[in-house]
C-alpha atoms as a PDB file:
ATOM      1  CA  MET A   1      10.816  -4.399  23.953  1.00  0.00           C
ATOM      2  CA  GLU A   2       9.755  -3.748  20.932  1.00  0.00           C
ATOM      3  CA  ARG A   3       6.639  -5.033  19.520  1.00  0.00           C
ATOM      4  CA  THR A   4       4.779  -4.662  15.682  1.00  0.00           C
ATOM      5  CA  GLU A   5       0.860  -4.684  15.977  1.00  0.00           C
ATOM      6  CA  ILE A   6      -0.962  -4.689  12.256  1.00  0.00           C
ATOM      7  CA  ARG A   7      -4.681  -3.195  11.931  1.00  0.00           C
ATOM      8  CA  PRO A   8      -6.649  -0.997  10.082  1.00  0.00           C
ATOM      9  CA  CYS A   9      -6.511   2.472  10.483  1.00  0.00           C
ATOM     10  CA  ARG A  10      -8.944   4.623  12.724  1.00  0.00           C
ATOM     11  CA  ALA A  11     -10.231   7.730  12.843  1.00  0.00           C
ATOM     12  CA  GLU A  12      -7.554   9.109  15.656  1.00  0.00           C
ATOM     13  CA  ASP A  13      -4.770   7.639  14.024  1.00  0.00           C
ATOM     14  CA  VAL A  14      -4.903   9.921  11.026  1.00  0.00           C
ATOM     15  CA  THR A  15      -3.511  12.519  12.512  1.00  0.00           C
ATOM     16  CA  LEU A  16      -0.838  10.637  14.508  1.00  0.00           C
ATOM     17  CA  LEU A  17      -0.119   9.318  10.831  1.00  0.00           C
ATOM     18  CA  ASP A  18       0.613  13.007   9.784  1.00  0.00           C
ATOM     19  CA  ARG A  19       2.651  13.691  12.286  1.00  0.00           C
ATOM     20  CA  HIS A  20       5.162  10.591  12.110  1.00  0.00           C
ATOM     21  CA  LEU A  21       4.574   9.641   8.401  1.00  0.00           C
ATOM     22  CA  PRO A  22       4.236  12.564   6.388  1.00  0.00           C
ATOM     23  CA  ALA A  23       3.564  12.935   2.651  1.00  0.00           C
ATOM     24  CA  PRO A  24       5.717  15.645   1.828  1.00  0.00           C
ATOM     25  CA  GLY A  25       3.655  17.352  -1.094  1.00  0.00           C
ATOM     26  CA  ALA A  26       0.274  15.048  -0.079  1.00  0.00           C
ATOM     27  CA  PRO A  27      -1.043  16.632   2.775  1.00  0.00           C
ATOM     28  CA  THR A  28      -4.295  14.845   2.882  1.00  0.00           C
ATOM     29  CA  ARG A  29      -2.615  11.071   1.961  1.00  0.00           C
ATOM     30  CA  HIS A  30      -3.548   9.120   5.123  1.00  0.00           C
ATOM     31  CA  SER A  31      -7.098  11.528   5.343  1.00  0.00           C
ATOM     32  CA  GLY A  32      -7.927  10.260   1.580  1.00  0.00           C
ATOM     33  CA  ARG A  33      -6.800   6.654   2.327  1.00  0.00           C
ATOM     34  CA  PHE A  34      -8.891   6.784   5.294  1.00  0.00           C
ATOM     35  CA  ALA A  35     -11.963   7.926   3.599  1.00  0.00           C
ATOM     36  CA  ARG A  36     -11.597   4.873   0.825  1.00  0.00           C
ATOM     37  CA  GLN A  37     -11.722   2.465   3.896  1.00  0.00           C
ATOM     38  CA  GLU A  38     -14.771   4.330   5.521  1.00  0.00           C
ATOM     39  CA  ALA A  39     -16.634   3.919   1.992  1.00  0.00           C
ATOM     40  CA  GLY A  40     -15.506   0.197   1.559  1.00  0.00           C
ATOM     41  CA  LEU A  41     -13.722   0.619  -1.388  1.00  0.00           C
ATOM     42  CA  ALA A  42     -10.445  -0.235   0.936  1.00  0.00           C
ATOM     43  CA  THR A  43      -8.950  -1.234   3.947  1.00  0.00           C
ATOM     44  CA  TYR A  44      -6.222   0.960   5.140  1.00  0.00           C
ATOM     45  CA  LEU A  45      -3.618  -1.039   7.198  1.00  0.00           C
ATOM     46  CA  VAL A  46      -1.261   0.641   9.686  1.00  0.00           C
ATOM     47  CA  ALA A  47       1.664  -0.581  11.484  1.00  0.00           C
ATOM     48  CA  TRP A  48       2.162   0.281  14.745  1.00  0.00           C
ATOM     49  CA  HIS A  49       6.082  -0.170  16.298  1.00  0.00           C
ATOM     50  CA  ASP A  50       6.040   0.571  20.030  1.00  0.00           C
ATOM     51  CA  GLY A  51       3.007   2.439  20.041  1.00  0.00           C
ATOM     52  CA  LEU A  52       3.543   4.817  16.678  1.00  0.00           C
ATOM     53  CA  PRO A  53       2.744   4.764  13.157  1.00  0.00           C
ATOM     54  CA  ALA A  54       5.587   2.962  11.434  1.00  0.00           C
ATOM     55  CA  GLY A  55       4.347   2.032   8.056  1.00  0.00           C
ATOM     56  CA  HIS A  56       1.136   1.239   6.042  1.00  0.00           C
ATOM     57  CA  GLY A  57      -0.300  -0.108   3.415  1.00  0.00           C
ATOM     58  CA  LEU A  58      -3.450   0.337   1.454  1.00  0.00           C
ATOM     59  CA  VAL A  59      -5.913  -3.339   0.969  1.00  0.00           C
ATOM     60  CA  ARG A  60      -8.009  -1.259  -2.426  1.00  0.00           C
ATOM     61  CA  TRP A  61     -10.992  -3.903  -2.893  1.00  0.00           C
ATOM     62  CA  ASP A  62     -11.835  -2.237  -6.224  1.00  0.00           C
ATOM     63  CA  GLY A  63      -8.363  -3.394  -7.777  1.00  0.00           C
ATOM     64  CA  CYS A  64      -5.251  -1.461  -9.411  1.00  0.00           C
ATOM     65  CA  ALA A  65      -5.815   1.969 -11.671  1.00  0.00           C
ATOM     66  CA  ALA A  66      -3.755   1.742 -14.235  1.00  0.00           C
ATOM     67  CA  PRO A  67      -6.133   0.112 -17.612  1.00  0.00           C
ATOM     68  CA  GLU A  68      -3.184  -1.954 -18.247  1.00  0.00           C
ATOM     69  CA  VAL A  69      -3.470  -4.215 -15.318  1.00  0.00           C
ATOM     70  CA  ARG A  70      -7.486  -3.994 -14.945  1.00  0.00           C
ATOM     71  CA  ALA A  71      -7.897  -5.337 -18.356  1.00  0.00           C
ATOM     72  CA  LEU A  72      -6.004  -8.628 -16.885  1.00  0.00           C
ATOM     73  CA  LEU A  73      -6.486  -8.356 -13.171  1.00  0.00           C
ATOM     74  CA  ALA A  74     -10.369  -6.347 -13.083  1.00  0.00           C
ATOM     75  CA  ASP A  75     -11.141  -8.216  -9.674  1.00  0.00           C
ATOM     76  CA  CYS A  76      -7.685  -8.703  -8.169  1.00  0.00           C
ATOM     77  CA  PRO A  77      -7.385  -6.777  -5.107  1.00  0.00           C
ATOM     78  CA  GLU A  78      -4.093  -4.521  -5.082  1.00  0.00           C
ATOM     79  CA  LEU A  79      -2.100  -3.330  -2.061  1.00  0.00           C
ATOM     80  CA  ASN A  80      -1.161  -0.017  -2.803  1.00  0.00           C
ATOM     81  CA  GLY A  81       1.453   2.673  -1.506  1.00  0.00           C
ATOM     82  CA  LEU A  82       3.104   0.186   1.135  1.00  0.00           C
ATOM     83  CA  ASP A  83       5.734   2.175   3.033  1.00  0.00           C
ATOM     84  CA  VAL A  84       8.245   1.383   6.029  1.00  0.00           C
ATOM     85  CA  ARG A  85       9.472   4.575   7.693  1.00  0.00           C
ATOM     86  CA  ALA A  86      13.068   4.630   7.140  1.00  0.00           C
ATOM     87  CA  ASP A  87      14.564   4.174  10.038  1.00  0.00           C
ATOM     88  CA  LEU A  88      12.539   0.971  10.562  1.00  0.00           C
ATOM     89  CA  ARG A  89      13.137  -0.904   7.551  1.00  0.00           C
ATOM     90  CA  GLY A  90      14.743  -4.195   7.517  1.00  0.00           C
ATOM     91  CA  ARG A  91      13.302  -5.140  10.875  1.00  0.00           C
ATOM     92  CA  GLY A  92      10.007  -7.550   8.707  1.00  0.00           C
ATOM     93  CA  ILE A  93       7.119  -4.563   9.393  1.00  0.00           C
ATOM     94  CA  GLY A  94       6.964  -4.477   5.830  1.00  0.00           C
ATOM     95  CA  THR A  95       6.805  -8.028   5.229  1.00  0.00           C
ATOM     96  CA  ALA A  96       4.175  -8.325   8.216  1.00  0.00           C
ATOM     97  CA  LEU A  97       1.946  -5.644   6.608  1.00  0.00           C
ATOM     98  CA  VAL A  98       2.237  -8.028   2.819  1.00  0.00           C
ATOM     99  CA  ARG A  99       1.269 -10.998   5.445  1.00  0.00           C
ATOM    100  CA  ALA A 100      -1.736  -9.219   7.036  1.00  0.00           C
ATOM    101  CA  ALA A 101      -3.099  -7.761   4.143  1.00  0.00           C
ATOM    102  CA  GLU A 102      -2.984 -11.378   2.383  1.00  0.00           C
ATOM    103  CA  GLU A 103      -4.991 -12.904   5.394  1.00  0.00           C
ATOM    104  CA  LEU A 104      -7.481 -10.003   4.692  1.00  0.00           C
ATOM    105  CA  VAL A 105      -7.937 -10.751   1.035  1.00  0.00           C
ATOM    106  CA  ARG A 106      -8.123 -14.826   2.194  1.00  0.00           C
ATOM    107  CA  GLU A 107     -10.956 -13.684   4.803  1.00  0.00           C
ATOM    108  CA  ARG A 108     -13.184 -12.426   1.862  1.00  0.00           C
ATOM    109  CA  GLY A 109     -12.951 -15.490   0.345  1.00  0.00           C
ATOM    110  CA  ARG A 110     -10.095 -13.757  -2.471  1.00  0.00           C
ATOM    111  CA  THR A 111      -7.262 -16.032  -4.018  1.00  0.00           C
ATOM    112  CA  LEU A 112      -5.024 -13.733  -5.718  1.00  0.00           C
ATOM    113  CA  LEU A 113      -3.500 -10.209  -4.351  1.00  0.00           C
ATOM    114  CA  GLY A 114      -1.459  -7.561  -6.534  1.00  0.00           C
ATOM    115  CA  LEU A 115       1.013  -5.194  -5.765  1.00  0.00           C
ATOM    116  CA  GLY A 116       3.128  -2.795  -7.813  1.00  0.00           C
ATOM    117  CA  VAL A 117       6.513  -1.806  -7.494  1.00  0.00           C
ATOM    118  CA  ALA A 118       8.540   0.924  -9.716  1.00  0.00           C
ATOM    119  CA  ASP A 119      11.389  -0.150 -11.781  1.00  0.00           C
ATOM    120  CA  ASP A 120      13.591   1.829  -9.400  1.00  0.00           C
ATOM    121  CA  ASN A 121      12.509   0.137  -6.087  1.00  0.00           C
ATOM    122  CA  PRO A 122      14.905  -2.859  -6.548  1.00  0.00           C
ATOM    123  CA  ARG A 123      15.151  -3.640  -2.924  1.00  0.00           C
ATOM    124  CA  ALA A 124      11.149  -3.486  -2.578  1.00  0.00           C
ATOM    125  CA  ALA A 125      10.723  -5.680  -5.687  1.00  0.00           C
ATOM    126  CA  ALA A 126      13.440  -8.142  -4.052  1.00  0.00           C
ATOM    127  CA  LEU A 127      11.319  -8.391  -0.486  1.00  0.00           C
ATOM    128  CA  TYR A 128       8.144  -9.421  -3.000  1.00  0.00           C
ATOM    129  CA  ALA A 129      10.012 -11.927  -5.284  1.00  0.00           C
ATOM    130  CA  ARG A 130      11.025 -13.667  -1.220  1.00  0.00           C
ATOM    131  CA  LEU A 131       7.129 -13.608  -0.337  1.00  0.00           C
ATOM    132  CA  GLY A 132       6.422 -15.229  -3.713  1.00  0.00           C
ATOM    133  CA  TYR A 133       5.300 -12.329  -5.788  1.00  0.00           C
ATOM    134  CA  GLU A 134       5.321 -12.629  -9.231  1.00  0.00           C
ATOM    135  CA  PRO A 135       5.491 -10.147 -12.085  1.00  0.00           C
ATOM    136  CA  VAL A 136       2.664 -10.408 -14.707  1.00  0.00           C
ATOM    137  CA  THR A 137       2.558  -7.190 -16.769  1.00  0.00           C
ATOM    138  CA  PRO A 138       4.624  -4.010 -17.228  1.00  0.00           C
ATOM    139  CA  TYR A 139       2.434  -0.825 -16.600  1.00  0.00           C
ATOM    140  CA  THR A 140       2.311   3.474 -15.875  1.00  0.00           C
ATOM    141  CA  ASP A 141       1.514   4.250 -12.262  1.00  0.00           C
ATOM    142  CA  ARG A 142      -0.430   8.426 -13.020  1.00  0.00           C
ATOM    143  CA  TRP A 143      -1.006   9.444 -10.240  1.00  0.00           C
ATOM    144  CA  SER A 144      -1.700  13.563  -9.159  1.00  0.00           C
ATOM    145  CA  ARG A 145      -0.967  15.497  -6.162  1.00  0.00           C
ATOM    146  CA  THR A 146      -2.184  18.972  -4.936  1.00  0.00           C
ATOM    147  CA  ASP A 147       0.797  20.711  -3.251  1.00  0.00           C
ATOM    148  CA  ALA A 148      -0.301  23.371   0.163  1.00  0.00           C
ATOM    149  CA  GLU A 149      -0.571  26.144  -2.335  1.00  0.00           C
ATOM    150  CA  GLY A 150      -3.093  24.519  -4.461  1.00  0.00           C
ATOM    151  CA  ARG A 151      -1.159  23.395  -7.334  1.00  0.00           C
ATOM    152  CA  THR A 152      -1.465  19.952  -9.019  1.00  0.00           C
ATOM    153  CA  HIS A 153       0.924  18.250  -9.960  1.00  0.00           C
ATOM    154  CA  HIS A 154       0.868  14.681 -11.894  1.00  0.00           C
ATOM    155  CA  HIS A 155       3.356  12.295 -11.923  1.00  0.00           C
ATOM    156  CA  ALA A 156       3.956   8.817 -14.442  1.00  0.00           C
ATOM    157  CA  ASP A 157       6.350   5.801 -13.042  1.00  0.00           C
ATOM    158  CA  SER A 158       6.689   2.860 -14.916  1.00  0.00           C
ATOM    159  CA  CYS A 159       6.151   0.047 -12.621  1.00  0.00           C
ATOM    160  CA  GLY A 160       5.554  -3.559 -13.053  1.00  0.00           C
ATOM    161  CA  PHE A 161       2.166  -5.265 -11.458  1.00  0.00           C
ATOM    162  CA  LEU A 162       3.129  -8.936  -9.582  1.00  0.00           C
ATOM    163  CA  VAL A 163       0.746 -11.246  -8.228  1.00  0.00           C
ATOM    164  CA  ARG A 164       0.611 -13.797  -5.673  1.00  0.00           C
ATOM    165  CA  ARG A 165      -2.133 -16.528  -5.223  1.00  0.00           C
ATOM    166  CA  LEU A 166      -3.046 -16.885  -2.038  1.00  0.00           C
ATOM    167  CA  GLY A 167      -3.689 -20.551  -0.940  1.00  0.00           C
END
């Protein structure tokens, strides 16, 4: 029987995440997110499906880094980088990760959770709308990655920031 469990990342999980959910061109993605968790800046949630990592999302307690979002919602935690393994999408794992993030936010006494969605990702936008997230502002997600050869690549994605008030 298939079973999914959501829990914060542990040090020993990073190697399995690298193996089963690799980030092409961003070899330190999982260790970087785990380091943010260890510093108390985030909680790195991992979905486990039949004992293997199936998805992840980072609850950034310091909020979205984009200046357009920070100007409006400086104190709003952000669920960042939500991703589910392609072969397991449509099985409720993304929903489970979002709900787990919402529960963490509630446990900390917070009443709002935000997340960004790329303009070219209608499937994710539909999921977030179904879960009660409403658009607040457009923004540009600017990020960089360093490849295996040590070259830095800069990216800018058009996104919308969505929020849900948690009861």
